[in-house]
Amino acid sequence: MTNVLRIVGPPGSGKTILIVSLVEALRSRNYRVATAVKRESIESSLLDPDVSRQLDAGAAATVIALSNGGRVTLERVMPLPGLASVVASIDPSVDLLLAEGFDDPGYPAIELLAPGDSTITTPDADLLAIVASSEILGAFETFGPGETNGVAELVEREILAAEDDVTIQLTINDQPIETIGFVRDMIARPRHRHRWR
């Protein structure tokens, strides 16, 4: 079964930007990531004129972007267990499904907080992390997609259960140096690492 991570937060909090950044960060670590977005608003009219007509009639849609670049639009919203099964059947190599706009309990979630808001809506049992939308938006504006290494490392460790390829210990002038983020990734995870299933 495909691993699922929900990205939740109020409209405009940066959910889509976090997803784009996480997809890039995880792909650079050789993970195959799919995304799903539940659309119950006029936003869907940008995707497909038929979807727009359905939404006007009270319908909803789920848009899936697969790890191979393909896209699928379902003319209804599916609960996450069914959606994860659909993604796994279409693209069995997917390591992680990032789901935006899904409230299904029992799945880990990263919750984004809008500026000035400290209300957390995700139950503690499902909460993987809380991220300030200003941090995500600032990193995205400054560095572009993929600059979410701390969050990507958390997802990799807690959801994808990845084992480190190597142990790194750097010293300068006999002082140990902690390796994190980009430096650690460049040394510990060679770009052409192959993952066989």
C-alpha atoms as a PDB file:
ATOM      1  CA  MET A   1       0.000   0.000   0.000  1.00  0.00           C
ATOM      2  CA  THR A   2       1.191   3.513  -0.789  1.00  0.00           C
ATOM      3  CA  ASN A   3       2.330   5.686   2.131  1.00  0.00           C
ATOM      4  CA  VAL A   4       0.061   8.716   2.593  1.00  0.00           C
ATOM      5  CA  LEU A   5       0.843  12.132   4.095  1.00  0.00           C
ATOM      6  CA  ARG A   6      -1.864  14.766   4.408  1.00  0.00           C
ATOM      7  CA  ILE A   7      -1.001  18.456   4.000  1.00  0.00           C
ATOM      8  CA  VAL A   8      -3.614  20.530   5.824  1.00  0.00           C
ATOM      9  CA  GLY A   9      -4.230  24.171   6.670  1.00  0.00           C
ATOM     10  CA  PRO A  10      -6.488  27.108   5.891  1.00  0.00           C
ATOM     11  CA  PRO A  11      -6.831  28.482   2.347  1.00  0.00           C
ATOM     12  CA  GLY A  12      -3.796  30.545   1.363  1.00  0.00           C
ATOM     13  CA  SER A  13      -1.524  29.035   4.024  1.00  0.00           C
ATOM     14  CA  GLY A  14       0.911  27.580   1.464  1.00  0.00           C
ATOM     15  CA  LYS A  15      -0.221  23.951   1.224  1.00  0.00           C
ATOM     16  CA  THR A  16       0.427  23.723  -2.512  1.00  0.00           C
ATOM     17  CA  ILE A  17       3.812  25.429  -2.205  1.00  0.00           C
ATOM     18  CA  LEU A  18       4.827  22.997   0.547  1.00  0.00           C
ATOM     19  CA  ILE A  19       3.733  20.077  -1.633  1.00  0.00           C
ATOM     20  CA  VAL A  20       5.717  21.350  -4.641  1.00  0.00           C
ATOM     21  CA  SER A  21       8.784  21.843  -2.443  1.00  0.00           C
ATOM     22  CA  LEU A  22       8.443  18.438  -0.777  1.00  0.00           C
ATOM     23  CA  VAL A  23       7.996  16.686  -4.110  1.00  0.00           C
ATOM     24  CA  GLU A  24      11.247  18.234  -5.377  1.00  0.00           C
ATOM     25  CA  ALA A  25      13.143  17.496  -2.145  1.00  0.00           C
ATOM     26  CA  LEU A  26      11.975  13.872  -2.026  1.00  0.00           C
ATOM     27  CA  ARG A  27      12.539  13.272  -5.736  1.00  0.00           C
ATOM     28  CA  SER A  28      16.113  14.491  -5.319  1.00  0.00           C
ATOM     29  CA  ARG A  29      16.428  11.664  -2.755  1.00  0.00           C
ATOM     30  CA  ASN A  30      15.147   9.198  -5.384  1.00  0.00           C
ATOM     31  CA  TYR A  31      11.642   8.748  -3.992  1.00  0.00           C
ATOM     32  CA  ARG A  32       8.659   8.531  -6.317  1.00  0.00           C
ATOM     33  CA  VAL A  33       5.975  10.928  -5.122  1.00  0.00           C
ATOM     34  CA  ALA A  34       2.393  11.355  -6.306  1.00  0.00           C
ATOM     35  CA  THR A  35       0.027  14.115  -5.219  1.00  0.00           C
ATOM     36  CA  ALA A  36      -3.741  14.339  -4.867  1.00  0.00           C
ATOM     37  CA  VAL A  37      -5.815  17.467  -4.425  1.00  0.00           C
ATOM     38  CA  LYS A  38      -9.455  17.524  -3.436  1.00  0.00           C
ATOM     39  CA  ARG A  39     -11.170  20.308  -5.343  1.00  0.00           C
ATOM     40  CA  GLU A  40     -14.575  21.447  -4.179  1.00  0.00           C
ATOM     41  CA  SER A  41     -14.305  25.018  -5.369  1.00  0.00           C
ATOM     42  CA  ILE A  42     -14.162  27.075  -8.549  1.00  0.00           C
ATOM     43  CA  GLU A  43     -10.404  26.360  -8.704  1.00  0.00           C
ATOM     44  CA  SER A  44     -11.275  23.176 -10.552  1.00  0.00           C
ATOM     45  CA  SER A  45     -12.597  25.181 -13.473  1.00  0.00           C
ATOM     46  CA  LEU A  46      -8.977  25.946 -14.320  1.00  0.00           C
ATOM     47  CA  LEU A  47      -8.360  22.227 -14.768  1.00  0.00           C
ATOM     48  CA  ASP A  48     -11.177  21.104 -17.018  1.00  0.00           C
ATOM     49  CA  PRO A  49     -14.396  22.723 -18.375  1.00  0.00           C
ATOM     50  CA  ASP A  50     -16.339  19.504 -17.634  1.00  0.00           C
ATOM     51  CA  VAL A  51     -15.189  19.637 -14.014  1.00  0.00           C
ATOM     52  CA  SER A  52     -16.357  23.254 -13.825  1.00  0.00           C
ATOM     53  CA  ARG A  53     -19.865  22.259 -15.001  1.00  0.00           C
ATOM     54  CA  GLN A  54     -19.971  19.428 -12.463  1.00  0.00           C
ATOM     55  CA  LEU A  55     -18.927  21.764  -9.675  1.00  0.00           C
ATOM     56  CA  ASP A  56     -21.676  24.175 -10.666  1.00  0.00           C
ATOM     57  CA  ALA A  57     -24.048  21.225 -10.245  1.00  0.00           C
ATOM     58  CA  GLY A  58     -22.685  20.492  -6.757  1.00  0.00           C
ATOM     59  CA  ALA A  59     -20.159  17.781  -7.674  1.00  0.00           C
ATOM     60  CA  ALA A  60     -16.521  17.594  -6.558  1.00  0.00           C
ATOM     61  CA  ALA A  61     -13.294  16.311  -8.082  1.00  0.00           C
ATOM     62  CA  THR A  62      -9.982  14.772  -7.071  1.00  0.00           C
ATOM     63  CA  VAL A  63      -6.944  15.551  -9.196  1.00  0.00           C
ATOM     64  CA  ILE A  64      -4.020  13.115  -9.008  1.00  0.00           C
ATOM     65  CA  ALA A  65      -0.533  13.903 -10.332  1.00  0.00           C
ATOM     66  CA  LEU A  66       1.451  10.675 -10.634  1.00  0.00           C
ATOM     67  CA  SER A  67       5.188  10.283 -10.098  1.00  0.00           C
ATOM     68  CA  ASN A  68       5.641   9.565 -13.821  1.00  0.00           C
ATOM     69  CA  GLY A  69       4.094  12.926 -14.779  1.00  0.00           C
ATOM     70  CA  GLY A  70       0.665  11.565 -15.694  1.00  0.00           C
ATOM     71  CA  ARG A  71      -2.503  13.185 -14.383  1.00  0.00           C
ATOM     72  CA  VAL A  72      -5.866  11.685 -13.521  1.00  0.00           C
ATOM     73  CA  THR A  73      -9.043  13.576 -12.633  1.00  0.00           C
ATOM     74  CA  LEU A  74     -11.698  11.672 -10.717  1.00  0.00           C
ATOM     75  CA  GLU A  75     -15.141  13.205 -10.947  1.00  0.00           C
ATOM     76  CA  ARG A  76     -15.717  12.710  -7.255  1.00  0.00           C
ATOM     77  CA  VAL A  77     -13.887  12.902  -3.952  1.00  0.00           C
ATOM     78  CA  MET A  78     -12.670   9.559  -2.628  1.00  0.00           C
ATOM     79  CA  PRO A  79     -11.715   8.761   0.953  1.00  0.00           C
ATOM     80  CA  LEU A  80      -7.964   8.318   1.365  1.00  0.00           C
ATOM     81  CA  PRO A  81      -7.939   4.497   1.654  1.00  0.00           C
ATOM     82  CA  GLY A  82      -9.616   4.181  -1.753  1.00  0.00           C
ATOM     83  CA  LEU A  83      -7.511   6.948  -3.249  1.00  0.00           C
ATOM     84  CA  ALA A  84      -4.264   5.331  -2.060  1.00  0.00           C
ATOM     85  CA  SER A  85      -5.411   2.058  -3.652  1.00  0.00           C
ATOM     86  CA  VAL A  86      -6.188   3.812  -6.956  1.00  0.00           C
ATOM     87  CA  VAL A  87      -2.757   5.472  -7.005  1.00  0.00           C
ATOM     88  CA  ALA A  88      -1.024   2.170  -6.152  1.00  0.00           C
ATOM     89  CA  SER A  89      -2.876   0.380  -8.951  1.00  0.00           C
ATOM     90  CA  ILE A  90      -2.072   3.058 -11.547  1.00  0.00           C
ATOM     91  CA  ASP A  91       1.551   3.595 -10.501  1.00  0.00           C
ATOM     92  CA  PRO A  92       2.774   0.801  -8.162  1.00  0.00           C
ATOM     93  CA  SER A  93       6.233   2.375  -7.841  1.00  0.00           C
ATOM     94  CA  VAL A  94       4.915   5.382  -5.860  1.00  0.00           C
ATOM     95  CA  ASP A  95       6.591   5.653  -2.446  1.00  0.00           C
ATOM     96  CA  LEU A  96       4.432   8.475  -1.075  1.00  0.00           C
ATOM     97  CA  LEU A  97       1.100  10.138  -1.823  1.00  0.00           C
ATOM     98  CA  LEU A  98       0.897  13.768  -0.658  1.00  0.00           C
ATOM     99  CA  ALA A  99      -2.802  14.574  -0.161  1.00  0.00           C
ATOM    100  CA  GLU A 100      -4.007  18.191  -0.004  1.00  0.00           C
ATOM    101  CA  GLY A 101      -7.413  19.036   1.401  1.00  0.00           C
ATOM    102  CA  PHE A 102      -8.239  15.621   2.887  1.00  0.00           C
ATOM    103  CA  ASP A 103      -9.534  15.446   6.468  1.00  0.00           C
ATOM    104  CA  ASP A 104      -9.535  11.638   6.824  1.00  0.00           C
ATOM    105  CA  PRO A 105      -8.360  10.784  10.358  1.00  0.00           C
ATOM    106  CA  GLY A 106      -5.783   8.082  10.924  1.00  0.00           C
ATOM    107  CA  TYR A 107      -3.265   9.435   8.401  1.00  0.00           C
ATOM    108  CA  PRO A 108      -0.218  11.504   9.342  1.00  0.00           C
ATOM    109  CA  ALA A 109      -0.501  15.206   8.573  1.00  0.00           C
ATOM    110  CA  ILE A 110       1.638  18.305   8.333  1.00  0.00           C
ATOM    111  CA  GLU A 111      -0.418  21.325   9.316  1.00  0.00           C
ATOM    112  CA  LEU A 112       0.394  24.794   8.046  1.00  0.00           C
ATOM    113  CA  LEU A 113      -0.456  27.776  10.227  1.00  0.00           C
ATOM    114  CA  ALA A 114      -1.347  31.078   8.621  1.00  0.00           C
ATOM    115  CA  PRO A 115       0.401  34.206   9.964  1.00  0.00           C
ATOM    116  CA  GLY A 116      -1.056  35.231  13.318  1.00  0.00           C
ATOM    117  CA  ASP A 117      -3.027  31.996  13.706  1.00  0.00           C
ATOM    118  CA  SER A 118      -2.080  29.374  16.276  1.00  0.00           C
ATOM    119  CA  THR A 119      -5.164  27.157  15.953  1.00  0.00           C
ATOM    120  CA  ILE A 120      -4.226  23.541  15.307  1.00  0.00           C
ATOM    121  CA  THR A 121      -7.041  21.410  13.899  1.00  0.00           C
ATOM    122  CA  THR A 122      -5.236  18.094  13.392  1.00  0.00           C
ATOM    123  CA  PRO A 123      -5.598  15.551  16.226  1.00  0.00           C
ATOM    124  CA  ASP A 124      -2.325  14.920  18.093  1.00  0.00           C
ATOM    125  CA  ALA A 125      -2.303  11.262  17.022  1.00  0.00           C
ATOM    126  CA  ASP A 126      -2.128  12.300  13.331  1.00  0.00           C
ATOM    127  CA  LEU A 127       0.089  15.393  13.649  1.00  0.00           C
ATOM    128  CA  LEU A 128       3.563  14.853  12.178  1.00  0.00           C
ATOM    129  CA  ALA A 129       4.621  18.517  12.127  1.00  0.00           C
ATOM    130  CA  ILE A 130       3.385  22.082  12.336  1.00  0.00           C
ATOM    131  CA  VAL A 131       4.858  24.506   9.814  1.00  0.00           C
ATOM    132  CA  ALA A 132       4.499  28.286   9.743  1.00  0.00           C
ATOM    133  CA  SER A 133       3.296  29.323   6.305  1.00  0.00           C
ATOM    134  CA  SER A 134       5.620  32.350   6.386  1.00  0.00           C
ATOM    135  CA  GLU A 135       8.623  29.989   6.619  1.00  0.00           C
ATOM    136  CA  ILE A 136       7.513  27.929   3.619  1.00  0.00           C
ATOM    137  CA  LEU A 137       6.622  30.976   1.528  1.00  0.00           C
ATOM    138  CA  GLY A 138       9.902  32.711   2.423  1.00  0.00           C
ATOM    139  CA  ALA A 139      12.021  29.665   1.574  1.00  0.00           C
ATOM    140  CA  PHE A 140      10.138  29.161  -1.695  1.00  0.00           C
ATOM    141  CA  GLU A 141      10.520  32.819  -2.742  1.00  0.00           C
ATOM    142  CA  THR A 142      14.217  32.858  -1.845  1.00  0.00           C
ATOM    143  CA  PHE A 143      15.400  29.415  -2.946  1.00  0.00           C
ATOM    144  CA  GLY A 144      12.626  27.967  -5.102  1.00  0.00           C
ATOM    145  CA  PRO A 145      11.093  24.498  -4.832  1.00  0.00           C
ATOM    146  CA  GLY A 146      12.882  21.759  -2.974  1.00  0.00           C
ATOM    147  CA  GLU A 147      14.220  23.911  -0.135  1.00  0.00           C
ATOM    148  CA  THR A 148      12.396  21.994   2.583  1.00  0.00           C
ATOM    149  CA  ASN A 149      15.167  19.634   3.621  1.00  0.00           C
ATOM    150  CA  GLY A 150      14.235  19.572   7.310  1.00  0.00           C
ATOM    151  CA  VAL A 151      10.635  18.594   6.544  1.00  0.00           C
ATOM    152  CA  ALA A 152      11.794  16.131   3.864  1.00  0.00           C
ATOM    153  CA  GLU A 153      14.163  14.474   6.358  1.00  0.00           C
ATOM    154  CA  LEU A 154      11.297  14.150   8.856  1.00  0.00           C
ATOM    155  CA  VAL A 155       9.024  12.589   6.215  1.00  0.00           C
ATOM    156  CA  GLU A 156      11.789  10.261   5.103  1.00  0.00           C
ATOM    157  CA  ARG A 157      12.538   9.147   8.671  1.00  0.00           C
ATOM    158  CA  GLU A 158       8.980   8.901  10.046  1.00  0.00           C
ATOM    159  CA  ILE A 159       6.928   7.815   7.022  1.00  0.00           C
ATOM    160  CA  LEU A 160       9.272   6.317   4.476  1.00  0.00           C
ATOM    161  CA  ALA A 161      11.446   4.702   7.200  1.00  0.00           C
ATOM    162  CA  ALA A 162      14.620   5.152   5.205  1.00  0.00           C
ATOM    163  CA  GLU A 163      17.896   3.868   6.521  1.00  0.00           C
ATOM    164  CA  ASP A 164      20.942   6.082   6.232  1.00  0.00           C
ATOM    165  CA  ASP A 165      23.293   4.897   3.506  1.00  0.00           C
ATOM    166  CA  VAL A 166      26.380   5.954   5.445  1.00  0.00           C
ATOM    167  CA  THR A 167      27.423   7.425   8.759  1.00  0.00           C
ATOM    168  CA  ILE A 168      29.195  10.754   8.522  1.00  0.00           C
ATOM    169  CA  GLN A 169      31.531  12.279  11.065  1.00  0.00           C
ATOM    170  CA  LEU A 170      33.338  15.467  10.069  1.00  0.00           C
ATOM    171  CA  THR A 171      35.891  17.291  12.174  1.00  0.00           C
ATOM    172  CA  ILE A 172      37.652  20.573  11.648  1.00  0.00           C
ATOM    173  CA  ASN A 173      40.584  21.400  13.936  1.00  0.00           C
ATOM    174  CA  ASP A 174      39.642  18.388  16.045  1.00  0.00           C
ATOM    175  CA  GLN A 175      36.125  19.782  16.585  1.00  0.00           C
ATOM    176  CA  PRO A 176      33.149  17.635  15.463  1.00  0.00           C
ATOM    177  CA  ILE A 177      30.933  19.296  12.869  1.00  0.00           C
ATOM    178  CA  GLU A 178      27.261  18.351  12.604  1.00  0.00           C
ATOM    179  CA  THR A 179      26.239  17.649   9.019  1.00  0.00           C
ATOM    180  CA  ILE A 180      22.659  18.542   8.153  1.00  0.00           C
ATOM    181  CA  GLY A 181      20.623  19.548   5.128  1.00  0.00           C
ATOM    182  CA  PHE A 182      22.433  20.079   1.861  1.00  0.00           C
ATOM    183  CA  VAL A 183      25.922  19.121   3.075  1.00  0.00           C
ATOM    184  CA  ARG A 184      24.726  15.823   4.554  1.00  0.00           C
ATOM    185  CA  ASP A 185      22.608  15.042   1.481  1.00  0.00           C
ATOM    186  CA  MET A 186      25.506  15.638  -0.900  1.00  0.00           C
ATOM    187  CA  ILE A 187      27.830  13.350   1.040  1.00  0.00           C
ATOM    188  CA  ALA A 188      25.435  10.658   2.300  1.00  0.00           C
ATOM    189  CA  ARG A 189      23.102  10.342  -0.655  1.00  0.00           C
ATOM    190  CA  PRO A 190      24.862  10.207  -3.990  1.00  0.00           C
ATOM    191  CA  ARG A 191      22.728  11.527  -6.821  1.00  0.00           C
ATOM    192  CA  HIS A 192      22.699   8.235  -8.693  1.00  0.00           C
ATOM    193  CA  ARG A 193      21.738   5.969  -5.841  1.00  0.00           C
ATOM    194  CA  HIS A 194      19.475   3.212  -7.128  1.00  0.00           C
ATOM    195  CA  ARG A 195      16.552   1.882  -5.133  1.00  0.00           C
ATOM    196  CA  TRP A 196      15.372  -1.563  -6.140  1.00  0.00           C
ATOM    197  CA  ARG A 197      12.066  -3.000  -5.010  1.00  0.00           C
END
